[in-house]
Structure formats: structure tokens, C-alpha cells
Amino acid sequence: MQSWRCLGTEVFALLVVPNSGQCHGIFSPLACCVWQGELAMRGNPKAEVLVTLGGQGCMHFGSEWSPVGVAGEGGLLPHESRMGFFALGTPDSSPVDTTGAGDCFRGSYVAARYGEAKSVTEALRWAAAAGSLAVEVEGAMPSMPSRAQIEVRASNPVLYGDGDFDD
């Protein structure tokens, strides 16, 4: 939050996307409220928070999200979404190299959500598919998957872990 204050009043982020390591020890529903509140005070009341959770998927908190409410299907609050992960196609089902995977995930989400007007759930699925492909290849640039590769991966079942988001 302090880093936003030093930027002045011209912060127009539509989407804040920290990863679990950046949030470790500070991520909570309160942190989402603070981030959204900071942006709203600077003229952007519609910011979303998307937290990547490595091999456990991600959580999305829409611009209308509040930590107060009645949990619905899957224990999620209104304007809260969770996306799991895809099985990896590596011989041991483990990542080969995670370099660039977060960038691939974020870019794929933004392209799907804002470039192609997909729903939050569709964009999260697309991004999760892209990110899962990115960790299967050594190096950042060579690991960026094609649209065709993402389409195939996104057609596979989404998996969910035990709810423990630690990497």
C-alpha cells in the first residue's frame, strides 16, 4: 500500500495481480479491501484483485467484492471466484521451469477478459491453461504457448487441491 501513496493520485489499475509469494503473510480479505479502497480513493472504484496461487490455481475478487456476505456454492462469497489448475503433461507431472509462467498467466487473463470479453470464469480457465503450459518448457520466451495449445489444454478438466494455497 505504501508504494501506491508515493505514486500520487494517478493510479488507474483495473486489475491488481499479486502472486502468493508477494502476499505471503499479508494476504487476507482485509488486504483486498485495502487494495480496492486505495485505488477507489484515487479515482478507480472498479479495480479487481486476482491472486495467483502457483500450483493451486488462483482467486479473483471482483470490483463489487466485499468480505461481508453469505457464502454460496463452493463456499465463495459474491463476486469471488476460484480457479483450480490443470494436470501437467511432463513425465513426472512437475514443472520444468516456472520462469515467465506468471507473466503468461496474467497476459492470457487480460487478453481473454478484456480483449475477447470472456467472463471472469472463462478468462481464469484460459489463463490457468496458458500458465500450466508455460511451466512445461525451459525458458521464458520458448514457454509461451500458442492459442491452439491453450485451447486444447483448456478443454481438459480443471483440478482442485486440498484448499491449502501454500506453494
Foldseek 3Di string as FASTA:
>chain_A
DVVVVVVPLPDAAQEAEEECVVCPPPDDLVVQVVVLVSNVVSPHQFHKYWYQLPQQAIKIAGSPHHPDAAQDPPRHGPRIDTFGAFQAPDPVSDFPAQVQLVVLLVVQLCCVCVVVVDDNVVSSLLSRLQSSQLRNDPDNVVSGDDPVSSVVRSVDDGDHDPPDRHD
